[in-house]
Amino acid sequence: MKNMGFFEFVKSKSQKMAQDKARYDNAIKKSLTLGNMIKLDVQEKDAIPGRAQELKNLCPNLTDESSKFLANVIPIWETYLFAFVITEKRTGDKYYMICTNRWIWFINDYSYKIVKYNEIYLFEIIRKSLTFQYVNFNQIVFIINDYINNVNKLIKFCIDKEYRDNEIETRCKYLCGIVPTYQNLNKIMSGISIDNNKNIVLHDRKKNNIKCTYDQIEDYELMEDQTAVLKKKQAEDSHAIPFAKDSCSRISIRVTFKNNTLFLMTILEPSAFSNQYSHNDTIYKENFSFAKGIIDTLEQFNPNIKK
């Protein structure tokens, strides 16, 4: 009986493999192509560092250049949820597949196509491998360069509306309910988002986020360690503060609200070895400039500053 059970198992496994192969061969034979791509018209500009970095975090296969390119293609009011490098089996054409809170982008170097989630009627793995998976997406066979667990999460997100809605709600919480028309984030995801109604969301590494309006703010300071080097006050003109040190271990922005609550935005974190950042170091200059840019953005709302 044990031998019969083993033989039945082998037979069942063989039949399953034959069925999978037939399904794969049939999908390849009937595979369509994306088609109807829209020509890209991307303006030359610097990508928001945090948005480019987030794409790289989602898809380590992306290069620095491709992540910056994609960050300039997809508008700031969309939140990235998944990112993959894929290849269309029939043509061999490479695409970037980016899922956002709104829809799916298929992008190559010169064109794009958008697919809404409710337009997906078929999405399944038809052949598995260690580092890439063959999938049938609406009768188009793609090769996705990623592990099977990640691709399974993608498929569940695309076809399970309840799961997708929960994921979108969770991943968009950092925006505190606004739809940004302006955003600036650094590589550790600290920065600022603003909507058309002048609502401001301050982000501390996306771990802490606070929504406010400018008239709720008392003052805001650019800090090096525990010392303010630039202070701006909502009710009057602002000023720089003399600062003798030539190095620091961290940079942050401290915002004080009129209700006496404080918000601290980390801009440059201490190094792993607790080394000081010299004012001549590139990393210091870049992060100080970013912090100054956040201060300047807030200053645009200051009624005491002549426009």
C-alpha atoms as a PDB file:
ATOM      1  CA  MET A   1       0.000   0.000   0.000  1.00  0.00           C
ATOM      2  CA  LYS A   2       2.876   2.331   0.763  1.00  0.00           C
ATOM      3  CA  ASN A   3       4.362   1.692  -2.690  1.00  0.00           C
ATOM      4  CA  MET A   4       1.011   2.310  -4.331  1.00  0.00           C
ATOM      5  CA  GLY A   5       0.743   5.591  -2.437  1.00  0.00           C
ATOM      6  CA  PHE A   6       4.188   6.635  -3.622  1.00  0.00           C
ATOM      7  CA  PHE A   7       3.435   5.721  -7.238  1.00  0.00           C
ATOM      8  CA  GLU A   8       0.142   7.596  -7.097  1.00  0.00           C
ATOM      9  CA  PHE A   9       1.994  10.637  -5.761  1.00  0.00           C
ATOM     10  CA  VAL A  10       4.543  10.478  -8.587  1.00  0.00           C
ATOM     11  CA  LYS A  11       1.775  10.046 -11.141  1.00  0.00           C
ATOM     12  CA  SER A  12      -0.181  12.998  -9.735  1.00  0.00           C
ATOM     13  CA  LYS A  13       2.954  15.126  -9.707  1.00  0.00           C
ATOM     14  CA  SER A  14       3.733  14.180 -13.307  1.00  0.00           C
ATOM     15  CA  GLN A  15       0.195  15.025 -14.410  1.00  0.00           C
ATOM     16  CA  LYS A  16       0.403  18.377 -12.629  1.00  0.00           C
ATOM     17  CA  MET A  17       3.689  19.191 -14.381  1.00  0.00           C
ATOM     18  CA  ALA A  18       2.199  18.244 -17.739  1.00  0.00           C
ATOM     19  CA  GLN A  19      -0.821  20.466 -17.091  1.00  0.00           C
ATOM     20  CA  ASP A  20       1.390  23.371 -16.041  1.00  0.00           C
ATOM     21  CA  LYS A  21       3.505  22.981 -19.181  1.00  0.00           C
ATOM     22  CA  ALA A  22       0.423  22.840 -21.391  1.00  0.00           C
ATOM     23  CA  ARG A  23      -0.951  25.977 -19.706  1.00  0.00           C
ATOM     24  CA  TYR A  24       2.392  27.752 -20.150  1.00  0.00           C
ATOM     25  CA  ASP A  25       2.692  26.704 -23.817  1.00  0.00           C
ATOM     26  CA  ASN A  26      -0.884  27.826 -24.492  1.00  0.00           C
ATOM     27  CA  ALA A  27      -0.279  31.208 -22.804  1.00  0.00           C
ATOM     28  CA  ILE A  28       2.887  31.762 -24.856  1.00  0.00           C
ATOM     29  CA  LYS A  29       1.087  30.822 -28.066  1.00  0.00           C
ATOM     30  CA  LYS A  30      -1.802  33.224 -27.410  1.00  0.00           C
ATOM     31  CA  SER A  31       0.254  35.988 -25.806  1.00  0.00           C
ATOM     32  CA  LEU A  32      -0.653  39.544 -26.769  1.00  0.00           C
ATOM     33  CA  THR A  33       1.483  42.678 -26.466  1.00  0.00           C
ATOM     34  CA  LEU A  34       0.922  45.907 -24.542  1.00  0.00           C
ATOM     35  CA  GLY A  35       0.390  48.080 -27.621  1.00  0.00           C
ATOM     36  CA  ASN A  36      -1.210  51.540 -27.707  1.00  0.00           C
ATOM     37  CA  MET A  37       1.640  53.126 -25.755  1.00  0.00           C
ATOM     38  CA  ILE A  38       1.586  56.882 -25.169  1.00  0.00           C
ATOM     39  CA  LYS A  39       4.687  58.909 -25.974  1.00  0.00           C
ATOM     40  CA  LEU A  40       6.449  60.311 -22.930  1.00  0.00           C
ATOM     41  CA  ASP A  41       7.057  64.024 -22.602  1.00  0.00           C
ATOM     42  CA  VAL A  42       9.238  64.270 -19.515  1.00  0.00           C
ATOM     43  CA  GLN A  43      10.614  67.665 -18.594  1.00  0.00           C
ATOM     44  CA  GLU A  44      14.297  67.767 -17.682  1.00  0.00           C
ATOM     45  CA  LYS A  45      14.422  68.381 -13.936  1.00  0.00           C
ATOM     46  CA  ASP A  46      15.984  67.040 -10.767  1.00  0.00           C
ATOM     47  CA  ALA A  47      13.971  64.163  -9.338  1.00  0.00           C
ATOM     48  CA  ILE A  48      12.814  64.414  -5.729  1.00  0.00           C
ATOM     49  CA  PRO A  49      15.541  62.430  -3.900  1.00  0.00           C
ATOM     50  CA  GLY A  50      13.121  60.631  -1.591  1.00  0.00           C
ATOM     51  CA  ARG A  51      10.829  59.484  -4.384  1.00  0.00           C
ATOM     52  CA  ALA A  52      13.747  58.152  -6.435  1.00  0.00           C
ATOM     53  CA  GLN A  53      15.162  56.394  -3.362  1.00  0.00           C
ATOM     54  CA  GLU A  54      11.777  54.857  -2.552  1.00  0.00           C
ATOM     55  CA  LEU A  55      11.620  53.290  -6.013  1.00  0.00           C
ATOM     56  CA  LYS A  56      15.079  51.801  -5.484  1.00  0.00           C
ATOM     57  CA  ASN A  57      13.978  50.454  -2.107  1.00  0.00           C
ATOM     58  CA  LEU A  58      10.997  48.773  -3.769  1.00  0.00           C
ATOM     59  CA  CYS A  59      13.078  47.430  -6.667  1.00  0.00           C
ATOM     60  CA  PRO A  60      16.831  47.032  -6.050  1.00  0.00           C
ATOM     61  CA  ASN A  61      17.223  46.160  -9.757  1.00  0.00           C
ATOM     62  CA  LEU A  62      16.707  49.821 -10.631  1.00  0.00           C
ATOM     63  CA  THR A  63      19.761  51.954 -11.334  1.00  0.00           C
ATOM     64  CA  ASP A  64      20.132  55.469  -9.955  1.00  0.00           C
ATOM     65  CA  GLU A  65      19.366  56.889 -13.390  1.00  0.00           C
ATOM     66  CA  SER A  66      16.273  54.755 -13.991  1.00  0.00           C
ATOM     67  CA  SER A  67      14.845  55.524 -10.539  1.00  0.00           C
ATOM     68  CA  LYS A  68      15.301  59.275 -11.145  1.00  0.00           C
ATOM     69  CA  PHE A  69      13.712  58.917 -14.581  1.00  0.00           C
ATOM     70  CA  LEU A  70      10.676  57.079 -13.183  1.00  0.00           C
ATOM     71  CA  ALA A  71      10.324  59.573 -10.323  1.00  0.00           C
ATOM     72  CA  ASN A  72      10.005  62.323 -12.937  1.00  0.00           C
ATOM     73  CA  VAL A  73       7.439  60.382 -14.982  1.00  0.00           C
ATOM     74  CA  ILE A  74       4.982  59.506 -12.200  1.00  0.00           C
ATOM     75  CA  PRO A  75       3.287  62.560 -10.614  1.00  0.00           C
ATOM     76  CA  ILE A  76       3.852  63.377  -6.950  1.00  0.00           C
ATOM     77  CA  TRP A  77       0.209  62.846  -6.008  1.00  0.00           C
ATOM     78  CA  GLU A  78       0.657  59.113  -6.594  1.00  0.00           C
ATOM     79  CA  THR A  79       2.232  56.874  -3.952  1.00  0.00           C
ATOM     80  CA  TYR A  80       4.488  54.022  -5.068  1.00  0.00           C
ATOM     81  CA  LEU A  81       3.455  50.586  -3.811  1.00  0.00           C
ATOM     82  CA  PHE A  82       5.318  48.064  -6.008  1.00  0.00           C
ATOM     83  CA  ALA A  83       8.068  48.390  -8.596  1.00  0.00           C
ATOM     84  CA  PHE A  84       9.437  45.703 -10.935  1.00  0.00           C
ATOM     85  CA  VAL A  85      11.603  45.370 -14.011  1.00  0.00           C
ATOM     86  CA  ILE A  86       9.721  43.176 -16.498  1.00  0.00           C
ATOM     87  CA  THR A  87      10.183  41.836 -20.020  1.00  0.00           C
ATOM     88  CA  GLU A  88       7.426  41.185 -22.534  1.00  0.00           C
ATOM     89  CA  LYS A  89       7.971  37.565 -23.620  1.00  0.00           C
ATOM     90  CA  ARG A  90       6.664  37.938 -27.162  1.00  0.00           C
ATOM     91  CA  THR A  91       8.723  40.990 -28.152  1.00  0.00           C
ATOM     92  CA  GLY A  92      11.596  40.959 -25.650  1.00  0.00           C
ATOM     93  CA  ASP A  93      10.823  44.599 -24.813  1.00  0.00           C
ATOM     94  CA  LYS A  94      11.768  45.743 -21.299  1.00  0.00           C
ATOM     95  CA  TYR A  95       9.397  47.790 -19.130  1.00  0.00           C
ATOM     96  CA  TYR A  96       9.197  49.181 -15.633  1.00  0.00           C
ATOM     97  CA  MET A  97       5.986  48.085 -13.908  1.00  0.00           C
ATOM     98  CA  ILE A  98       5.036  50.538 -11.148  1.00  0.00           C
ATOM     99  CA  CYS A  99       1.909  50.067  -9.029  1.00  0.00           C
ATOM    100  CA  THR A 100       0.626  53.203  -7.324  1.00  0.00           C
ATOM    101  CA  ASN A 101      -2.404  54.001  -5.218  1.00  0.00           C
ATOM    102  CA  ARG A 102      -4.270  54.826  -8.440  1.00  0.00           C
ATOM    103  CA  TRP A 103      -3.270  52.323 -11.129  1.00  0.00           C
ATOM    104  CA  ILE A 104      -0.425  50.432 -12.804  1.00  0.00           C
ATOM    105  CA  TRP A 105       2.166  52.145 -14.974  1.00  0.00           C
ATOM    106  CA  PHE A 106       4.038  50.287 -17.716  1.00  0.00           C
ATOM    107  CA  ILE A 107       6.952  52.511 -18.731  1.00  0.00           C
ATOM    108  CA  ASN A 108       9.861  52.191 -21.120  1.00  0.00           C
ATOM    109  CA  ASP A 109      12.441  54.800 -22.110  1.00  0.00           C
ATOM    110  CA  TYR A 110      10.116  56.709 -24.417  1.00  0.00           C
ATOM    111  CA  SER A 111       6.471  55.737 -23.777  1.00  0.00           C
ATOM    112  CA  TYR A 112       3.996  54.510 -21.164  1.00  0.00           C
ATOM    113  CA  LYS A 113       0.654  52.820 -20.679  1.00  0.00           C
ATOM    114  CA  ILE A 114      -1.691  52.903 -17.689  1.00  0.00           C
ATOM    115  CA  VAL A 115      -3.885  49.961 -16.643  1.00  0.00           C
ATOM    116  CA  LYS A 116      -6.577  50.430 -13.998  1.00  0.00           C
ATOM    117  CA  TYR A 117      -6.913  47.752 -11.349  1.00  0.00           C
ATOM    118  CA  ASN A 118     -10.522  47.020 -12.313  1.00  0.00           C
ATOM    119  CA  GLU A 119      -9.325  46.278 -15.859  1.00  0.00           C
ATOM    120  CA  ILE A 120      -7.320  43.259 -14.699  1.00  0.00           C
ATOM    121  CA  TYR A 121      -9.179  40.035 -15.509  1.00  0.00           C
ATOM    122  CA  LEU A 122      -6.241  37.623 -15.451  1.00  0.00           C
ATOM    123  CA  PHE A 123      -3.003  37.681 -13.486  1.00  0.00           C
ATOM    124  CA  GLU A 124      -1.228  34.443 -12.576  1.00  0.00           C
ATOM    125  CA  ILE A 125       2.198  32.813 -12.457  1.00  0.00           C
ATOM    126  CA  ILE A 126       2.580  30.265 -15.245  1.00  0.00           C
ATOM    127  CA  ARG A 127       6.224  29.277 -14.696  1.00  0.00           C
ATOM    128  CA  LYS A 128       8.366  29.649 -11.591  1.00  0.00           C
ATOM    129  CA  SER A 129      12.081  30.192 -11.215  1.00  0.00           C
ATOM    130  CA  LEU A 130      14.429  31.270  -8.460  1.00  0.00           C
ATOM    131  CA  THR A 131      14.917  34.917  -9.424  1.00  0.00           C
ATOM    132  CA  PHE A 132      12.338  35.525 -12.180  1.00  0.00           C
ATOM    133  CA  GLN A 133       8.751  34.438 -12.802  1.00  0.00           C
ATOM    134  CA  TYR A 134       6.671  34.053 -15.956  1.00  0.00           C
ATOM    135  CA  VAL A 135       3.218  35.576 -15.507  1.00  0.00           C
ATOM    136  CA  ASN A 136       0.092  35.869 -17.626  1.00  0.00           C
ATOM    137  CA  PHE A 137      -1.239  39.402 -17.238  1.00  0.00           C
ATOM    138  CA  ASN A 138      -4.439  39.964 -19.228  1.00  0.00           C
ATOM    139  CA  GLN A 139      -3.186  37.462 -21.825  1.00  0.00           C
ATOM    140  CA  ILE A 140       0.224  39.146 -22.056  1.00  0.00           C
ATOM    141  CA  VAL A 141       3.119  36.972 -20.896  1.00  0.00           C
ATOM    142  CA  PHE A 142       5.738  38.901 -18.923  1.00  0.00           C
ATOM    143  CA  ILE A 143       8.933  37.809 -17.226  1.00  0.00           C
ATOM    144  CA  ILE A 144       9.182  39.556 -13.843  1.00  0.00           C
ATOM    145  CA  ASN A 145      12.688  39.825 -12.420  1.00  0.00           C
ATOM    146  CA  ASP A 146      11.958  39.037  -8.782  1.00  0.00           C
ATOM    147  CA  TYR A 147      11.403  36.265  -6.251  1.00  0.00           C
ATOM    148  CA  ILE A 148       8.140  34.334  -6.237  1.00  0.00           C
ATOM    149  CA  ASN A 149       7.001  35.664  -2.829  1.00  0.00           C
ATOM    150  CA  ASN A 150       7.250  39.244  -4.071  1.00  0.00           C
ATOM    151  CA  VAL A 151       5.378  38.412  -7.280  1.00  0.00           C
ATOM    152  CA  ASN A 152       2.655  36.617  -5.301  1.00  0.00           C
ATOM    153  CA  LYS A 153       2.220  39.758  -3.175  1.00  0.00           C
ATOM    154  CA  LEU A 154       1.929  41.811  -6.368  1.00  0.00           C
ATOM    155  CA  ILE A 155      -0.756  39.498  -7.785  1.00  0.00           C
ATOM    156  CA  LYS A 156      -2.734  39.529  -4.541  1.00  0.00           C
ATOM    157  CA  PHE A 157      -2.549  43.321  -4.451  1.00  0.00           C
ATOM    158  CA  CYS A 158      -3.769  43.619  -8.042  1.00  0.00           C
ATOM    159  CA  ILE A 159      -6.676  41.166  -7.908  1.00  0.00           C
ATOM    160  CA  ASP A 160      -7.866  41.373  -4.274  1.00  0.00           C
ATOM    161  CA  LYS A 161      -9.632  44.736  -3.898  1.00  0.00           C
ATOM    162  CA  GLU A 162     -10.062  44.515  -0.119  1.00  0.00           C
ATOM    163  CA  TYR A 163      -6.374  43.723   0.375  1.00  0.00           C
ATOM    164  CA  ARG A 164      -5.422  46.483  -2.070  1.00  0.00           C
ATOM    165  CA  ASP A 165      -7.581  49.091  -0.351  1.00  0.00           C
ATOM    166  CA  ASN A 166      -6.052  48.230   3.032  1.00  0.00           C
ATOM    167  CA  GLU A 167      -2.520  48.439   1.629  1.00  0.00           C
ATOM    168  CA  ILE A 168      -3.220  51.782  -0.038  1.00  0.00           C
ATOM    169  CA  GLU A 169      -4.707  53.201   3.159  1.00  0.00           C
ATOM    170  CA  THR A 170      -1.690  52.058   5.179  1.00  0.00           C
ATOM    171  CA  ARG A 171       0.951  53.249   2.727  1.00  0.00           C
ATOM    172  CA  CYS A 172      -0.691  56.652   2.180  1.00  0.00           C
ATOM    173  CA  LYS A 173      -1.103  57.453   5.885  1.00  0.00           C
ATOM    174  CA  TYR A 174       2.065  59.534   5.870  1.00  0.00           C
ATOM    175  CA  LEU A 175       0.186  62.152   3.802  1.00  0.00           C
ATOM    176  CA  CYS A 176      -2.373  62.676   6.588  1.00  0.00           C
ATOM    177  CA  GLY A 177      -5.233  62.771   4.081  1.00  0.00           C
ATOM    178  CA  ILE A 178      -3.908  65.418   1.673  1.00  0.00           C
ATOM    179  CA  VAL A 179      -3.241  65.035  -2.050  1.00  0.00           C
ATOM    180  CA  PRO A 180       0.120  66.769  -2.566  1.00  0.00           C
ATOM    181  CA  THR A 181       0.697  69.208  -5.381  1.00  0.00           C
ATOM    182  CA  TYR A 182       4.160  70.017  -3.997  1.00  0.00           C
ATOM    183  CA  GLN A 183       6.500  67.602  -2.272  1.00  0.00           C
ATOM    184  CA  ASN A 184      10.153  67.479  -1.324  1.00  0.00           C
ATOM    185  CA  LEU A 185      11.624  64.463   0.470  1.00  0.00           C
ATOM    186  CA  ASN A 186      15.230  63.530   1.049  1.00  0.00           C
ATOM    187  CA  LYS A 187      16.649  60.004   0.920  1.00  0.00           C
ATOM    188  CA  ILE A 188      15.546  59.183   4.480  1.00  0.00           C
ATOM    189  CA  MET A 189      12.004  60.351   3.613  1.00  0.00           C
ATOM    190  CA  SER A 190      12.020  63.536   5.674  1.00  0.00           C
ATOM    191  CA  GLY A 191      10.569  66.678   4.158  1.00  0.00           C
ATOM    192  CA  ILE A 192       7.341  68.423   3.298  1.00  0.00           C
ATOM    193  CA  SER A 193       4.149  67.931   1.297  1.00  0.00           C
ATOM    194  CA  ILE A 194       1.630  70.679   0.446  1.00  0.00           C
ATOM    195  CA  ASP A 195      -1.780  70.529  -1.229  1.00  0.00           C
ATOM    196  CA  ASN A 196      -3.815  73.069  -3.200  1.00  0.00           C
ATOM    197  CA  ASN A 197      -5.566  74.257  -0.031  1.00  0.00           C
ATOM    198  CA  LYS A 198      -2.251  75.234   1.594  1.00  0.00           C
ATOM    199  CA  ASN A 199      -2.380  72.310   4.008  1.00  0.00           C
ATOM    200  CA  ILE A 200       1.154  71.375   5.051  1.00  0.00           C
ATOM    201  CA  VAL A 201       2.363  67.926   6.103  1.00  0.00           C
ATOM    202  CA  LEU A 202       5.777  67.716   7.756  1.00  0.00           C
ATOM    203  CA  HIS A 203       7.518  64.356   7.515  1.00  0.00           C
ATOM    204  CA  ASP A 204      10.148  62.943   9.831  1.00  0.00           C
ATOM    205  CA  ARG A 205      11.441  59.892   7.882  1.00  0.00           C
ATOM    206  CA  LYS A 206       7.770  59.030   7.197  1.00  0.00           C
ATOM    207  CA  LYS A 207       7.729  57.625  10.742  1.00  0.00           C
ATOM    208  CA  ASN A 208       6.268  60.780  12.239  1.00  0.00           C
ATOM    209  CA  ASN A 209       4.039  63.055  10.190  1.00  0.00           C
ATOM    210  CA  ILE A 210       1.972  66.064  11.174  1.00  0.00           C
ATOM    211  CA  LYS A 211      -0.613  68.035   9.230  1.00  0.00           C
ATOM    212  CA  CYS A 212      -0.954  71.764   9.845  1.00  0.00           C
ATOM    213  CA  THR A 213      -1.478  75.166   8.300  1.00  0.00           C
ATOM    214  CA  TYR A 214       1.104  77.924   8.385  1.00  0.00           C
ATOM    215  CA  ASP A 215      -0.874  80.100  10.803  1.00  0.00           C
ATOM    216  CA  GLN A 216      -0.678  77.306  13.405  1.00  0.00           C
ATOM    217  CA  ILE A 217       3.122  77.596  13.458  1.00  0.00           C
ATOM    218  CA  GLU A 218       4.947  79.836  15.943  1.00  0.00           C
ATOM    219  CA  ASP A 219       8.504  79.432  14.615  1.00  0.00           C
ATOM    220  CA  TYR A 220      10.830  77.003  12.841  1.00  0.00           C
ATOM    221  CA  GLU A 221      14.545  76.521  13.233  1.00  0.00           C
ATOM    222  CA  LEU A 222      17.337  74.805  11.351  1.00  0.00           C
ATOM    223  CA  MET A 223      19.309  72.895  13.990  1.00  0.00           C
ATOM    224  CA  GLU A 224      22.818  71.521  14.044  1.00  0.00           C
ATOM    225  CA  ASP A 225      22.950  69.150  16.989  1.00  0.00           C
ATOM    226  CA  GLN A 226      21.150  71.110  19.731  1.00  0.00           C
ATOM    227  CA  THR A 227      21.963  74.565  18.355  1.00  0.00           C
ATOM    228  CA  ALA A 228      19.711  76.673  16.126  1.00  0.00           C
ATOM    229  CA  VAL A 229      21.696  78.134  13.222  1.00  0.00           C
ATOM    230  CA  LEU A 230      18.734  79.687  11.425  1.00  0.00           C
ATOM    231  CA  LYS A 231      15.494  80.776  13.049  1.00  0.00           C
ATOM    232  CA  LYS A 232      12.309  81.898  11.327  1.00  0.00           C
ATOM    233  CA  LYS A 233       9.320  83.299  13.137  1.00  0.00           C
ATOM    234  CA  GLN A 234       5.805  83.401  11.758  1.00  0.00           C
ATOM    235  CA  ALA A 235       4.926  86.792  13.212  1.00  0.00           C
ATOM    236  CA  GLU A 236       8.024  88.720  12.124  1.00  0.00           C
ATOM    237  CA  ASP A 237      11.010  88.782   9.806  1.00  0.00           C
ATOM    238  CA  SER A 238      13.453  85.971  10.393  1.00  0.00           C
ATOM    239  CA  HIS A 239      17.170  85.961  10.923  1.00  0.00           C
ATOM    240  CA  ALA A 240      20.286  83.831  10.867  1.00  0.00           C
ATOM    241  CA  ILE A 241      22.084  83.052  14.119  1.00  0.00           C
ATOM    242  CA  PRO A 242      25.881  83.341  14.451  1.00  0.00           C
ATOM    243  CA  PHE A 243      27.406  79.885  14.716  1.00  0.00           C
ATOM    244  CA  ALA A 244      31.074  79.253  15.454  1.00  0.00           C
ATOM    245  CA  LYS A 245      31.318  75.469  15.112  1.00  0.00           C
ATOM    246  CA  ASP A 246      32.649  74.004  11.876  1.00  0.00           C
ATOM    247  CA  SER A 247      31.140  70.501  12.244  1.00  0.00           C
ATOM    248  CA  CYS A 248      28.105  68.691  13.626  1.00  0.00           C
ATOM    249  CA  SER A 249      26.778  65.162  14.140  1.00  0.00           C
ATOM    250  CA  ARG A 250      23.228  65.767  12.897  1.00  0.00           C
ATOM    251  CA  ILE A 251      20.986  68.284  11.110  1.00  0.00           C
ATOM    252  CA  SER A 252      17.284  68.715  11.887  1.00  0.00           C
ATOM    253  CA  ILE A 253      14.413  71.176  11.673  1.00  0.00           C
ATOM    254  CA  ARG A 254      12.478  72.037  14.821  1.00  0.00           C
ATOM    255  CA  VAL A 255       8.968  73.411  14.406  1.00  0.00           C
ATOM    256  CA  THR A 256       7.183  74.988  17.359  1.00  0.00           C
ATOM    257  CA  PHE A 257       3.412  75.368  17.151  1.00  0.00           C
ATOM    258  CA  LYS A 258       1.300  78.016  18.820  1.00  0.00           C
ATOM    259  CA  ASN A 259      -0.169  75.374  21.126  1.00  0.00           C
ATOM    260  CA  ASN A 260       3.411  74.792  22.400  1.00  0.00           C
ATOM    261  CA  THR A 261       3.827  71.372  20.778  1.00  0.00           C
ATOM    262  CA  LEU A 262       7.102  70.592  19.003  1.00  0.00           C
ATOM    263  CA  PHE A 263       7.886  68.638  15.843  1.00  0.00           C
ATOM    264  CA  LEU A 264      11.419  67.532  15.057  1.00  0.00           C
ATOM    265  CA  MET A 265      12.288  66.628  11.464  1.00  0.00           C
ATOM    266  CA  THR A 266      15.512  64.664  11.079  1.00  0.00           C
ATOM    267  CA  ILE A 267      17.446  65.749   7.988  1.00  0.00           C
ATOM    268  CA  LEU A 268      20.915  64.225   8.485  1.00  0.00           C
ATOM    269  CA  GLU A 269      21.253  61.344  10.928  1.00  0.00           C
ATOM    270  CA  PRO A 270      24.386  60.659  12.996  1.00  0.00           C
ATOM    271  CA  SER A 271      26.857  58.416  11.203  1.00  0.00           C
ATOM    272  CA  ALA A 272      27.231  54.769  12.221  1.00  0.00           C
ATOM    273  CA  PHE A 273      30.575  55.580  13.861  1.00  0.00           C
ATOM    274  CA  SER A 274      29.341  58.809  15.489  1.00  0.00           C
ATOM    275  CA  ASN A 275      31.740  60.849  13.388  1.00  0.00           C
ATOM    276  CA  GLN A 276      31.300  64.588  13.002  1.00  0.00           C
ATOM    277  CA  TYR A 277      30.282  66.012   9.620  1.00  0.00           C
ATOM    278  CA  SER A 278      32.590  68.830   8.583  1.00  0.00           C
ATOM    279  CA  HIS A 279      30.978  71.885   7.028  1.00  0.00           C
ATOM    280  CA  ASN A 280      33.214  71.196   4.046  1.00  0.00           C
ATOM    281  CA  ASP A 281      31.876  67.652   3.531  1.00  0.00           C
ATOM    282  CA  THR A 282      29.618  67.106   0.524  1.00  0.00           C
ATOM    283  CA  ILE A 283      27.068  65.193   2.618  1.00  0.00           C
ATOM    284  CA  TYR A 284      26.835  68.128   5.030  1.00  0.00           C
ATOM    285  CA  LYS A 285      26.438  70.688   2.243  1.00  0.00           C
ATOM    286  CA  GLU A 286      23.725  68.658   0.487  1.00  0.00           C
ATOM    287  CA  ASN A 287      21.698  68.127   3.640  1.00  0.00           C
ATOM    288  CA  PHE A 288      22.114  71.686   4.895  1.00  0.00           C
ATOM    289  CA  SER A 289      20.915  72.924   1.492  1.00  0.00           C
ATOM    290  CA  PHE A 290      17.925  70.575   1.661  1.00  0.00           C
ATOM    291  CA  ALA A 291      17.021  71.762   5.160  1.00  0.00           C
ATOM    292  CA  LYS A 292      17.380  75.391   4.080  1.00  0.00           C
ATOM    293  CA  GLY A 293      15.043  74.604   1.177  1.00  0.00           C
ATOM    294  CA  ILE A 294      12.368  73.322   3.592  1.00  0.00           C
ATOM    295  CA  ILE A 295      12.704  76.509   5.646  1.00  0.00           C
ATOM    296  CA  ASP A 296      12.420  78.619   2.493  1.00  0.00           C
ATOM    297  CA  THR A 297       9.309  76.698   1.432  1.00  0.00           C
ATOM    298  CA  LEU A 298       7.642  77.470   4.760  1.00  0.00           C
ATOM    299  CA  GLU A 299       8.723  81.098   4.419  1.00  0.00           C
ATOM    300  CA  GLN A 300       6.655  81.398   1.235  1.00  0.00           C
ATOM    301  CA  PHE A 301       3.580  81.352   3.487  1.00  0.00           C
ATOM    302  CA  ASN A 302       4.928  84.070   5.786  1.00  0.00           C
ATOM    303  CA  PRO A 303       2.713  87.168   5.368  1.00  0.00           C
ATOM    304  CA  ASN A 304       5.507  89.370   6.732  1.00  0.00           C
ATOM    305  CA  ILE A 305       7.861  88.552   3.883  1.00  0.00           C
ATOM    306  CA  LYS A 306       7.603  90.790   0.838  1.00  0.00           C
ATOM    307  CA  LYS A 307       6.852  88.660  -2.215  1.00  0.00           C
END
